[in-house]
Amino acid sequence: MIILLTVLVALVPALAILYPFLHGDNGEAQLQDESSLHSELVRRWDAVVAGLKGTELEWGVGNLTNEDYTFLKEQYMLEAVAIMKAMELEQEQEQELLSQIGQEVGSSAQSSEETSHS
């Protein structure tokens, strides 16, 4: 009986330690590279949105003149347009790379079939 209790006491912490390794995360929590272009664009987008909100608030309170408000709003909108274009370009480049990889895989599969038939 004491041996059985000893084995159980030893197994419980072992299972608790091994559970994360055995269970896995099923790819749900993928780590993102914080230095990636997408992360930088998201940070810039958040800054633009915060800037626009701050500008609206300051203008609404009366701390900005109409001239200053118009200037700042135009600057933030231009930055937002540049970010959206960069995000669109990033998606197009990703699609091009995926299609190139698919073509290379297909051509290497064809060449390997040809060499195996020879």
C-alpha atoms as a PDB file:
ATOM      1  CA  MET A   1       0.000   0.000   0.000  1.00  0.00           C
ATOM      2  CA  ILE A   2       2.832   2.390   0.825  1.00  0.00           C
ATOM      3  CA  ILE A   3       4.484   1.614  -2.502  1.00  0.00           C
ATOM      4  CA  LEU A   4       1.264   2.424  -4.363  1.00  0.00           C
ATOM      5  CA  LEU A   5       0.931   5.776  -2.545  1.00  0.00           C
ATOM      6  CA  THR A   6       4.576   6.575  -3.289  1.00  0.00           C
ATOM      7  CA  VAL A   7       4.076   5.885  -6.988  1.00  0.00           C
ATOM      8  CA  LEU A   8       0.934   8.044  -7.076  1.00  0.00           C
ATOM      9  CA  VAL A   9       2.644  10.888  -5.245  1.00  0.00           C
ATOM     10  CA  ALA A  10       5.508  10.726  -7.759  1.00  0.00           C
ATOM     11  CA  LEU A  11       3.206  10.527 -10.804  1.00  0.00           C
ATOM     12  CA  VAL A  12       1.044  13.539  -9.972  1.00  0.00           C
ATOM     13  CA  PRO A  13       3.864  16.138 -10.185  1.00  0.00           C
ATOM     14  CA  ALA A  14       5.385  14.324 -13.178  1.00  0.00           C
ATOM     15  CA  LEU A  15       2.085  14.523 -15.045  1.00  0.00           C
ATOM     16  CA  ALA A  16       1.655  18.161 -14.054  1.00  0.00           C
ATOM     17  CA  ILE A  17       5.093  18.947 -15.470  1.00  0.00           C
ATOM     18  CA  LEU A  18       4.643  16.890 -18.649  1.00  0.00           C
ATOM     19  CA  TYR A  19       1.062  18.002 -19.408  1.00  0.00           C
ATOM     20  CA  PRO A  20       1.994  21.141 -21.406  1.00  0.00           C
ATOM     21  CA  PHE A  21       4.408  19.126 -23.521  1.00  0.00           C
ATOM     22  CA  LEU A  22       1.955  16.316 -24.132  1.00  0.00           C
ATOM     23  CA  HIS A  23      -1.082  18.520 -24.700  1.00  0.00           C
ATOM     24  CA  GLY A  24       0.592  21.056 -26.980  1.00  0.00           C
ATOM     25  CA  ASP A  25      -0.950  24.324 -28.082  1.00  0.00           C
ATOM     26  CA  ASN A  26      -2.387  23.106 -31.404  1.00  0.00           C
ATOM     27  CA  GLY A  27      -0.915  26.173 -33.106  1.00  0.00           C
ATOM     28  CA  GLU A  28      -3.376  28.518 -31.416  1.00  0.00           C
ATOM     29  CA  ALA A  29      -0.833  30.792 -29.807  1.00  0.00           C
ATOM     30  CA  GLN A  30       1.663  31.506 -32.534  1.00  0.00           C
ATOM     31  CA  LEU A  31       4.430  33.860 -31.615  1.00  0.00           C
ATOM     32  CA  GLN A  32       4.751  36.880 -33.843  1.00  0.00           C
ATOM     33  CA  ASP A  33       8.003  38.483 -34.746  1.00  0.00           C
ATOM     34  CA  GLU A  34       7.783  41.939 -33.196  1.00  0.00           C
ATOM     35  CA  SER A  35      10.297  43.287 -35.698  1.00  0.00           C
ATOM     36  CA  SER A  36       8.249  42.189 -38.717  1.00  0.00           C
ATOM     37  CA  LEU A  37       6.885  44.675 -41.213  1.00  0.00           C
ATOM     38  CA  HIS A  38       3.317  43.797 -40.299  1.00  0.00           C
ATOM     39  CA  SER A  39       3.929  44.514 -36.603  1.00  0.00           C
ATOM     40  CA  GLU A  40       5.508  47.849 -37.480  1.00  0.00           C
ATOM     41  CA  LEU A  41       2.541  48.777 -39.685  1.00  0.00           C
ATOM     42  CA  VAL A  42       0.102  47.847 -36.925  1.00  0.00           C
ATOM     43  CA  ARG A  43       2.017  50.022 -34.448  1.00  0.00           C
ATOM     44  CA  ARG A  44       2.000  52.930 -36.900  1.00  0.00           C
ATOM     45  CA  TRP A  45      -1.730  52.436 -37.536  1.00  0.00           C
ATOM     46  CA  ASP A  46      -2.463  52.493 -33.805  1.00  0.00           C
ATOM     47  CA  ALA A  47      -0.416  55.680 -33.464  1.00  0.00           C
ATOM     48  CA  VAL A  48      -2.327  57.350 -36.311  1.00  0.00           C
ATOM     49  CA  VAL A  49      -5.705  56.404 -34.831  1.00  0.00           C
ATOM     50  CA  ALA A  50      -4.618  57.670 -31.403  1.00  0.00           C
ATOM     51  CA  GLY A  51      -3.352  60.878 -33.004  1.00  0.00           C
ATOM     52  CA  LEU A  52      -6.632  61.441 -34.816  1.00  0.00           C
ATOM     53  CA  LYS A  53      -8.622  60.840 -31.632  1.00  0.00           C
ATOM     54  CA  GLY A  54      -6.376  63.221 -29.713  1.00  0.00           C
ATOM     55  CA  THR A  55      -6.702  65.849 -32.427  1.00  0.00           C
ATOM     56  CA  GLU A  56     -10.487  65.545 -32.400  1.00  0.00           C
ATOM     57  CA  LEU A  57     -10.525  65.855 -28.617  1.00  0.00           C
ATOM     58  CA  GLU A  58      -8.222  68.871 -28.539  1.00  0.00           C
ATOM     59  CA  TRP A  59     -10.244  70.592 -31.260  1.00  0.00           C
ATOM     60  CA  GLY A  60     -13.506  69.787 -29.501  1.00  0.00           C
ATOM     61  CA  VAL A  61     -12.193  71.258 -26.237  1.00  0.00           C
ATOM     62  CA  GLY A  62     -11.010  74.353 -28.058  1.00  0.00           C
ATOM     63  CA  ASN A  63      -7.254  73.895 -27.660  1.00  0.00           C
ATOM     64  CA  LEU A  64      -6.741  73.812 -31.445  1.00  0.00           C
ATOM     65  CA  THR A  65      -7.718  76.364 -34.020  1.00  0.00           C
ATOM     66  CA  ASN A  66      -9.603  75.243 -37.105  1.00  0.00           C
ATOM     67  CA  GLU A  67      -6.426  75.788 -39.143  1.00  0.00           C
ATOM     68  CA  ASP A  68      -4.315  73.589 -36.832  1.00  0.00           C
ATOM     69  CA  TYR A  69      -7.033  70.960 -36.677  1.00  0.00           C
ATOM     70  CA  THR A  70      -7.272  70.779 -40.475  1.00  0.00           C
ATOM     71  CA  PHE A  71      -3.487  70.542 -40.838  1.00  0.00           C
ATOM     72  CA  LEU A  72      -3.107  67.775 -38.244  1.00  0.00           C
ATOM     73  CA  LYS A  73      -6.071  65.827 -39.589  1.00  0.00           C
ATOM     74  CA  GLU A  74      -4.632  65.940 -43.124  1.00  0.00           C
ATOM     75  CA  GLN A  75      -1.238  64.737 -41.865  1.00  0.00           C
ATOM     76  CA  TYR A  76      -2.761  61.815 -39.986  1.00  0.00           C
ATOM     77  CA  MET A  77      -4.963  60.903 -42.947  1.00  0.00           C
ATOM     78  CA  LEU A  78      -1.959  60.901 -45.311  1.00  0.00           C
ATOM     79  CA  GLU A  79      -0.097  58.629 -42.911  1.00  0.00           C
ATOM     80  CA  ALA A  80      -3.131  56.328 -42.710  1.00  0.00           C
ATOM     81  CA  VAL A  81      -3.277  56.097 -46.506  1.00  0.00           C
ATOM     82  CA  ALA A  82       0.438  55.263 -46.673  1.00  0.00           C
ATOM     83  CA  ILE A  83       0.003  52.526 -44.068  1.00  0.00           C
ATOM     84  CA  MET A  84      -2.977  51.019 -45.903  1.00  0.00           C
ATOM     85  CA  LYS A  85      -1.011  50.968 -49.166  1.00  0.00           C
ATOM     86  CA  ALA A  86       1.933  49.306 -47.426  1.00  0.00           C
ATOM     87  CA  MET A  87      -0.354  46.667 -45.901  1.00  0.00           C
ATOM     88  CA  GLU A  88      -1.909  45.990 -49.306  1.00  0.00           C
ATOM     89  CA  LEU A  89       1.539  45.727 -50.890  1.00  0.00           C
ATOM     90  CA  GLU A  90       2.645  43.332 -48.149  1.00  0.00           C
ATOM     91  CA  GLN A  91      -0.313  41.047 -48.870  1.00  0.00           C
ATOM     92  CA  GLU A  92       0.415  41.110 -52.617  1.00  0.00           C
ATOM     93  CA  GLN A  93       4.063  40.244 -52.009  1.00  0.00           C
ATOM     94  CA  GLU A  94       3.047  37.366 -49.740  1.00  0.00           C
ATOM     95  CA  GLN A  95       0.762  35.968 -52.445  1.00  0.00           C
ATOM     96  CA  GLU A  96       3.532  36.279 -55.061  1.00  0.00           C
ATOM     97  CA  LEU A  97       5.999  34.445 -52.824  1.00  0.00           C
ATOM     98  CA  LEU A  98       3.512  31.659 -52.158  1.00  0.00           C
ATOM     99  CA  SER A  99       2.829  31.215 -55.866  1.00  0.00           C
ATOM    100  CA  GLN A 100       6.585  31.171 -56.629  1.00  0.00           C
ATOM    101  CA  ILE A 101       7.149  28.545 -53.960  1.00  0.00           C
ATOM    102  CA  GLY A 102       4.286  26.486 -55.383  1.00  0.00           C
ATOM    103  CA  GLN A 103       5.803  26.692 -58.861  1.00  0.00           C
ATOM    104  CA  GLU A 104       9.244  25.707 -57.592  1.00  0.00           C
ATOM    105  CA  VAL A 105       7.826  22.766 -55.660  1.00  0.00           C
ATOM    106  CA  GLY A 106       5.898  21.659 -58.738  1.00  0.00           C
ATOM    107  CA  SER A 107       8.934  21.939 -60.996  1.00  0.00           C
ATOM    108  CA  SER A 108      11.164  20.072 -58.533  1.00  0.00           C
ATOM    109  CA  ALA A 109       8.541  17.329 -58.244  1.00  0.00           C
ATOM    110  CA  GLN A 110       8.454  17.044 -62.046  1.00  0.00           C
ATOM    111  CA  SER A 111      12.228  16.876 -62.319  1.00  0.00           C
ATOM    112  CA  SER A 112      12.421  14.222 -59.608  1.00  0.00           C
ATOM    113  CA  GLU A 113       9.776  12.155 -61.434  1.00  0.00           C
ATOM    114  CA  GLU A 114      11.725  12.470 -64.692  1.00  0.00           C
ATOM    115  CA  THR A 115      14.964  11.326 -63.070  1.00  0.00           C
ATOM    116  CA  SER A 116      13.239   8.390 -61.384  1.00  0.00           C
ATOM    117  CA  HIS A 117      11.755   7.220 -64.700  1.00  0.00           C
ATOM    118  CA  SER A 118      15.138   7.339 -66.429  1.00  0.00           C
END
